[in-house]
Amino acid sequence: MPYSTIIEALPEITLNEPVVSTIKNDLFEKKKVEVCMLRLDEIHPVISGNKLFKLIYFLDEAKRSFHKSIITFGGAYSNHLAATAFAAKALNLKSIAFVRGERPKTLSPTLLFCLEQGMKLEFVSRTLYQQKNQGAFLEELKMKFGEHILIPEGGFSIKGKEGASLINQYFTDKNITHVCLPVGTATTLAGIVDANKSETEIIGFPVLKNFNDIGKRFKELSVNEERKYSVTGNYHFGGYAKKADELISFMRGFYEENNIELDFVYTAKMMFGVYDLIQKNYFKEGAGILCIHTGGLQGNQSLAVKE
């Protein structure tokens, strides 16, 4: 599905064609590598980055289906929930989100946005949340809410993977030796790896601490075992949504130099890792490195709230 087809499939939402921006830094000239960024963040203010791709087949199914309700899952700062809520409202679909953890006294900016979009929020304990993929839990959802389109957390599914694989159209047949991207559920990584039939090296930068079940995840998503990729778990800064002054300082410096905003949960950690690997000579001279901006800038609204 070329991007033009995605635009045609969602006429209710104004989507922009992503561009590739050159990233400048003296380090790159010194190490003789070229770095660019696929600006998936520019697709849309909310359904930005990889979110659109992971959702596209679910949204297409919902539009064609008699079941006009979407049920999904996520945390209080989930980009996935924000994107799903916005898309559902635009497509005149009902949306329900099961949010991990008890309802807080003050809702996050993300959850407030979801409510504004008409999404119903169901808060569940972390223990119950862990059962979200079990048959009994899913059957209870059907009994309570009726027939619906179920979107797993972060789009983690074959359908989400197939949507993410559409991102490959932006670097196939181009002078790119490495593609770098942040990793959460690994759905996007799985899609890109599975669709990559070239010698381009795919490198994932997990934002979760102790991310050591990639093989299990890829097996669940039916990723071709012959596909090559690597994962470096050294840049999570303490775990999901964790940060440090060093990371925030890096984000500010990156913006001043390139006029591109990064989100502290995903893309900033990936870019910090790319810079560090370049400094450590991981990439050979002449390497062409494409970094994928996976959007999610709404998450930065939580910085002031958390601090």
Protein backbone atom coordinates (compact mmCIF):
# COMPACT_ATOMS: atom_id res chain seq x y z
CA MET A 1 0.00 0.00 0.00
CA PRO A 2 1.77 3.19 -1.14
CA TYR A 3 1.34 6.28 1.02
CA SER A 4 -1.02 7.81 -1.52
CA THR A 5 -3.35 4.86 -0.92
CA ILE A 6 -3.24 5.46 2.83
CA ILE A 7 -4.27 9.07 2.24
CA GLU A 8 -7.10 7.90 0.01
CA ALA A 9 -8.21 5.37 2.64
CA LEU A 10 -8.57 8.10 5.28
CA PRO A 11 -10.11 11.12 3.51
CA GLU A 12 -11.56 12.23 6.86
CA ILE A 13 -8.07 13.07 8.15
CA THR A 14 -5.65 15.53 6.55
CA LEU A 15 -2.33 13.71 6.22
CA ASN A 16 0.98 15.08 5.00
CA GLU A 17 3.62 13.29 2.96
CA PRO A 18 6.67 12.62 5.18
CA VAL A 19 10.02 14.05 4.12
CA VAL A 20 13.62 13.12 4.80
CA SER A 21 15.71 15.77 6.57
CA THR A 22 19.50 15.87 6.59
CA ILE A 23 20.94 15.92 10.12
CA LYS A 24 24.06 18.02 10.60
CA ASN A 25 26.78 17.72 13.22
CA ASP A 26 30.55 18.15 13.21
CA LEU A 27 30.85 14.60 14.52
CA PHE A 28 29.39 13.21 11.30
CA GLU A 29 31.92 15.04 9.14
CA LYS A 30 34.73 13.88 11.38
CA LYS A 31 33.60 10.24 11.16
CA LYS A 32 32.68 10.57 7.48
CA VAL A 33 29.12 9.32 7.76
CA GLU A 34 25.84 10.78 6.54
CA VAL A 35 22.80 10.96 8.80
CA CYS A 36 19.24 11.75 7.77
CA MET A 37 15.84 11.49 9.44
CA LEU A 38 12.56 10.17 8.08
CA ARG A 39 10.11 12.74 9.42
CA LEU A 40 7.11 10.59 10.17
CA ASP A 41 6.33 13.15 12.88
CA GLU A 42 5.18 15.53 10.14
CA ILE A 43 2.42 13.24 8.88
CA HIS A 44 -0.07 14.61 11.38
CA PRO A 45 0.07 16.36 14.79
CA VAL A 46 -1.60 13.41 16.56
CA ILE A 47 -1.61 10.34 14.29
CA SER A 48 2.06 10.93 13.71
CA GLY A 49 5.09 8.75 13.27
CA ASN A 50 4.61 5.01 13.22
CA LYS A 51 1.16 5.25 14.82
CA LEU A 52 -0.61 5.84 11.51
CA PHE A 53 1.06 2.83 9.91
CA LYS A 54 0.30 0.47 12.80
CA LEU A 55 -3.33 1.60 12.86
CA ILE A 56 -4.09 1.82 9.15
CA TYR A 57 -5.36 -1.74 8.63
CA PHE A 58 -7.39 -1.66 11.85
CA LEU A 59 -9.00 1.64 10.84
CA ASP A 60 -9.71 0.34 7.36
CA GLU A 61 -11.36 -2.74 8.86
CA ALA A 62 -13.42 -0.60 11.25
CA LYS A 63 -14.68 1.60 8.42
CA ARG A 64 -15.78 -1.45 6.42
CA SER A 65 -17.20 -3.34 9.37
CA PHE A 66 -20.62 -3.28 11.00
CA HIS A 67 -18.82 -3.11 14.33
CA LYS A 68 -18.25 0.59 14.87
CA SER A 69 -16.50 0.29 18.23
CA ILE A 70 -12.77 0.09 18.88
CA ILE A 71 -11.29 -1.25 22.09
CA THR A 72 -7.59 -0.86 22.85
CA PHE A 73 -5.08 -0.67 25.70
CA GLY A 74 -2.32 1.60 26.97
CA GLY A 75 -0.75 3.58 29.77
CA ALA A 76 -1.45 7.09 30.99
CA TYR A 77 1.01 8.67 28.54
CA SER A 78 0.39 6.39 25.57
CA ASN A 79 0.87 7.86 22.10
CA HIS A 80 -1.13 4.89 20.84
CA LEU A 81 -4.18 5.86 22.89
CA ALA A 82 -4.03 9.48 21.75
CA ALA A 83 -3.75 8.50 18.09
CA THR A 84 -6.52 5.92 18.33
CA ALA A 85 -8.87 8.32 20.11
CA PHE A 86 -8.35 11.02 17.49
CA ALA A 87 -8.76 8.62 14.56
CA ALA A 88 -11.91 7.10 16.02
CA LYS A 89 -13.53 10.49 16.43
CA ALA A 90 -12.55 11.53 12.90
CA LEU A 91 -14.03 8.31 11.49
CA ASN A 92 -17.17 8.53 13.65
CA LEU A 93 -16.27 5.38 15.60
CA LYS A 94 -16.74 4.68 19.28
CA SER A 95 -13.51 4.10 21.20
CA ILE A 96 -12.83 2.52 24.57
CA ALA A 97 -9.42 2.33 26.22
CA PHE A 98 -8.36 0.11 29.08
CA VAL A 99 -5.77 2.14 30.95
CA ARG A 100 -3.09 0.43 33.01
CA GLY A 101 -3.33 1.28 36.72
CA GLU A 102 -5.89 2.82 39.06
CA ARG A 103 -7.48 6.12 38.08
CA PRO A 104 -5.21 8.94 39.34
CA LYS A 105 -6.51 12.06 41.04
CA THR A 106 -5.17 14.13 38.16
CA LEU A 107 -5.33 12.73 34.64
CA SER A 108 -2.31 13.04 32.35
CA PRO A 109 -2.44 15.44 29.39
CA THR A 110 -2.68 12.37 27.16
CA LEU A 111 -5.74 10.97 28.90
CA LEU A 112 -7.43 14.36 29.03
CA PHE A 113 -6.92 14.59 25.27
CA CYS A 114 -8.44 11.13 24.82
CA LEU A 115 -11.51 12.20 26.79
CA GLU A 116 -11.84 15.30 24.63
CA GLN A 117 -11.93 13.02 21.60
CA GLY A 118 -14.82 11.07 23.11
CA MET A 119 -12.82 8.01 24.15
CA LYS A 120 -14.21 6.14 27.14
CA LEU A 121 -11.54 5.29 29.71
CA GLU A 122 -11.66 2.12 31.80
CA PHE A 123 -8.98 2.02 34.49
CA VAL A 124 -7.86 -1.46 35.55
CA SER A 125 -5.35 -2.69 38.09
CA ARG A 126 -1.93 -3.66 36.81
CA THR A 127 -2.66 -7.26 37.75
CA LEU A 128 -5.86 -7.36 35.70
CA TYR A 129 -4.16 -5.46 32.90
CA GLN A 130 -1.69 -8.32 32.50
CA GLN A 131 -4.63 -10.56 31.58
CA LYS A 132 -5.66 -8.39 28.64
CA ASN A 133 -4.65 -11.00 26.06
CA GLN A 134 -6.30 -13.96 27.79
CA GLY A 135 -9.43 -15.56 26.40
CA ALA A 136 -11.58 -15.07 29.51
CA PHE A 137 -10.80 -11.36 29.62
CA LEU A 138 -11.50 -10.89 25.91
CA GLU A 139 -14.77 -12.82 26.16
CA GLU A 140 -15.85 -10.56 29.01
CA LEU A 141 -15.16 -7.54 26.81
CA LYS A 142 -17.44 -8.94 24.13
CA MET A 143 -20.22 -9.57 26.64
CA LYS A 144 -19.96 -6.08 28.12
CA PHE A 145 -19.34 -3.98 25.02
CA GLY A 146 -20.64 -6.18 22.19
CA GLU A 147 -18.86 -6.91 18.92
CA HIS A 148 -15.90 -4.60 18.33
CA ILE A 149 -12.55 -4.10 16.64
CA LEU A 150 -9.82 -5.02 19.13
CA ILE A 151 -6.46 -3.26 18.78
CA PRO A 152 -3.74 -4.71 21.05
CA GLU A 153 -1.52 -2.38 23.06
CA GLY A 154 0.76 -0.45 20.72
CA GLY A 155 -0.82 -2.24 17.77
CA PHE A 156 1.20 -5.38 18.63
CA SER A 157 -0.28 -7.84 16.11
CA ILE A 158 0.21 -9.25 12.64
CA LYS A 159 -2.02 -6.49 11.31
CA GLY A 160 0.03 -3.82 13.10
CA LYS A 161 3.26 -5.35 11.83
CA GLU A 162 1.99 -5.39 8.26
CA GLY A 163 1.05 -1.74 8.57
CA ALA A 164 4.49 -0.85 9.94
CA SER A 165 6.15 -2.65 7.03
CA LEU A 166 4.76 0.08 4.75
CA ILE A 167 7.43 2.40 6.18
CA ASN A 168 10.05 0.52 4.15
CA GLN A 169 8.92 2.28 0.99
CA TYR A 170 10.85 5.34 2.18
CA PHE A 171 14.30 3.75 2.16
CA THR A 172 14.14 0.81 -0.25
CA ASP A 173 16.37 1.37 -3.30
CA LYS A 174 18.03 4.38 -1.65
CA ASN A 175 21.67 4.82 -0.61
CA ILE A 176 20.97 3.78 2.98
CA THR A 177 23.23 1.32 4.78
CA HIS A 178 21.55 1.47 8.21
CA VAL A 179 18.04 2.21 9.45
CA CYS A 180 17.66 3.12 13.14
CA LEU A 181 14.44 3.30 15.12
CA PRO A 182 13.28 3.32 18.75
CA VAL A 183 11.54 0.19 20.05
CA GLY A 184 8.55 -0.11 22.40
CA THR A 185 6.35 -3.12 21.69
CA ALA A 186 8.65 -4.01 18.73
CA THR A 187 5.70 -3.96 16.30
CA THR A 188 7.32 -1.36 14.05
CA LEU A 189 10.72 -3.02 14.26
CA ALA A 190 9.10 -6.33 13.31
CA GLY A 191 7.36 -4.81 10.32
CA ILE A 192 10.46 -3.10 9.00
CA VAL A 193 12.70 -6.14 9.57
CA ASP A 194 10.20 -8.54 8.02
CA ALA A 195 9.80 -6.44 4.88
CA ASN A 196 13.52 -5.70 4.46
CA LYS A 197 14.95 -7.82 1.67
CA SER A 198 18.07 -5.68 1.13
CA GLU A 199 21.46 -5.59 2.86
CA THR A 200 20.39 -2.54 4.87
CA GLU A 201 21.08 -3.14 8.57
CA ILE A 202 18.10 -2.47 10.83
CA ILE A 203 19.01 -1.35 14.35
CA GLY A 204 16.47 -1.14 17.16
CA PHE A 205 16.91 1.04 20.26
CA PRO A 206 14.62 -0.29 23.03
CA VAL A 207 13.19 2.32 25.39
CA LEU A 208 12.32 -0.33 27.98
CA LYS A 209 14.76 -1.67 30.53
CA ASN A 210 15.70 -5.36 30.26
CA PHE A 211 14.20 -5.71 26.82
CA ASN A 212 15.27 -9.30 26.27
CA ASP A 213 12.31 -11.09 24.67
CA ILE A 214 12.67 -9.83 21.11
CA GLY A 215 12.85 -13.38 19.75
CA LYS A 216 9.54 -14.29 21.39
CA ARG A 217 7.89 -11.13 20.10
CA PHE A 218 9.12 -11.70 16.55
CA LYS A 219 7.87 -15.27 16.66
CA GLU A 220 4.42 -14.07 17.72
CA LEU A 221 4.40 -11.64 14.80
CA SER A 222 5.63 -14.26 12.32
CA VAL A 223 8.80 -12.38 11.35
CA ASN A 224 10.93 -14.19 8.80
CA GLU A 225 13.75 -15.80 10.81
CA GLU A 226 16.22 -15.19 7.99
CA ARG A 227 15.91 -11.42 8.26
CA LYS A 228 18.91 -9.67 9.83
CA TYR A 229 18.69 -7.00 12.50
CA SER A 230 20.36 -5.89 15.72
CA VAL A 231 19.12 -4.44 18.99
CA THR A 232 21.13 -2.30 21.40
CA GLY A 233 19.68 -1.95 24.89
CA ASN A 234 22.11 0.63 26.25
CA TYR A 235 20.07 3.79 25.78
CA HIS A 236 16.83 3.38 27.74
CA PHE A 237 17.89 5.89 30.43
CA GLY A 238 16.37 3.80 33.19
CA GLY A 239 13.32 2.42 31.43
CA TYR A 240 10.09 3.44 29.73
CA ALA A 241 9.31 7.16 30.03
CA LYS A 242 12.40 7.57 32.25
CA LYS A 243 14.78 10.40 31.52
CA ALA A 244 17.89 12.17 32.74
CA ASP A 245 19.30 15.68 32.52
CA GLU A 246 21.77 14.40 29.94
CA LEU A 247 18.92 13.30 27.66
CA ILE A 248 16.97 16.55 28.02
CA SER A 249 20.15 18.53 27.31
CA PHE A 250 20.73 16.43 24.20
CA MET A 251 17.18 17.11 23.01
CA ARG A 252 17.67 20.85 23.38
CA GLY A 253 20.99 20.80 21.57
CA PHE A 254 19.54 18.70 18.75
CA TYR A 255 16.67 21.16 18.32
CA GLU A 256 19.01 24.15 18.25
CA GLU A 257 21.18 22.52 15.59
CA ASN A 258 18.50 20.93 13.40
CA ASN A 259 15.22 22.67 14.32
CA ILE A 260 13.61 19.27 14.89
CA GLU A 261 11.79 18.44 18.14
CA LEU A 262 12.36 14.98 19.59
CA ASP A 263 10.18 13.21 22.15
CA PHE A 264 11.92 12.12 25.33
CA VAL A 265 10.27 8.68 25.46
CA TYR A 266 11.32 7.31 22.08
CA THR A 267 13.13 9.30 19.40
CA ALA A 268 15.47 11.26 21.67
CA LYS A 269 16.84 8.04 23.17
CA MET A 270 17.35 6.55 19.73
CA MET A 271 19.17 9.64 18.45
CA PHE A 272 21.33 9.80 21.57
CA GLY A 273 22.31 6.21 20.88
CA VAL A 274 23.05 6.89 17.21
CA TYR A 275 25.37 9.77 18.12
CA ASP A 276 27.12 7.60 20.71
CA LEU A 277 27.59 4.71 18.27
CA ILE A 278 29.01 7.08 15.66
CA GLN A 279 31.45 8.41 18.25
CA LYS A 280 32.48 4.83 19.05
CA ASN A 281 33.06 4.02 15.34
CA TYR A 282 30.23 1.50 15.11
CA PHE A 283 29.49 2.74 11.59
CA LYS A 284 32.09 2.50 8.85
CA GLU A 285 33.17 5.50 6.82
CA GLY A 286 30.68 6.25 4.08
CA ALA A 287 27.72 4.85 5.99
CA GLY A 288 24.31 6.29 5.17
CA ILE A 289 22.21 6.26 8.33
CA LEU A 290 18.45 6.82 8.24
CA CYS A 291 16.85 7.53 11.62
CA ILE A 292 13.08 7.15 11.89
CA HIS A 293 11.26 9.85 13.84
CA THR A 294 8.32 7.92 15.27
CA GLY A 295 6.39 11.02 16.34
CA GLY A 296 4.74 11.00 19.74
CA LEU A 297 5.58 14.61 20.50
CA GLN A 298 2.41 14.91 22.58
CA GLY A 299 4.31 12.97 25.22
CA ASN A 300 6.54 15.97 25.88
CA GLN A 301 3.56 17.73 27.47
CA SER A 302 4.10 15.49 30.47
CA LEU A 303 7.60 16.81 31.16
CA ALA A 304 6.37 19.76 33.18
CA VAL A 305 3.75 17.59 34.89
CA LYS A 306 6.24 14.95 36.01
CA GLU A 307 8.97 17.28 37.17
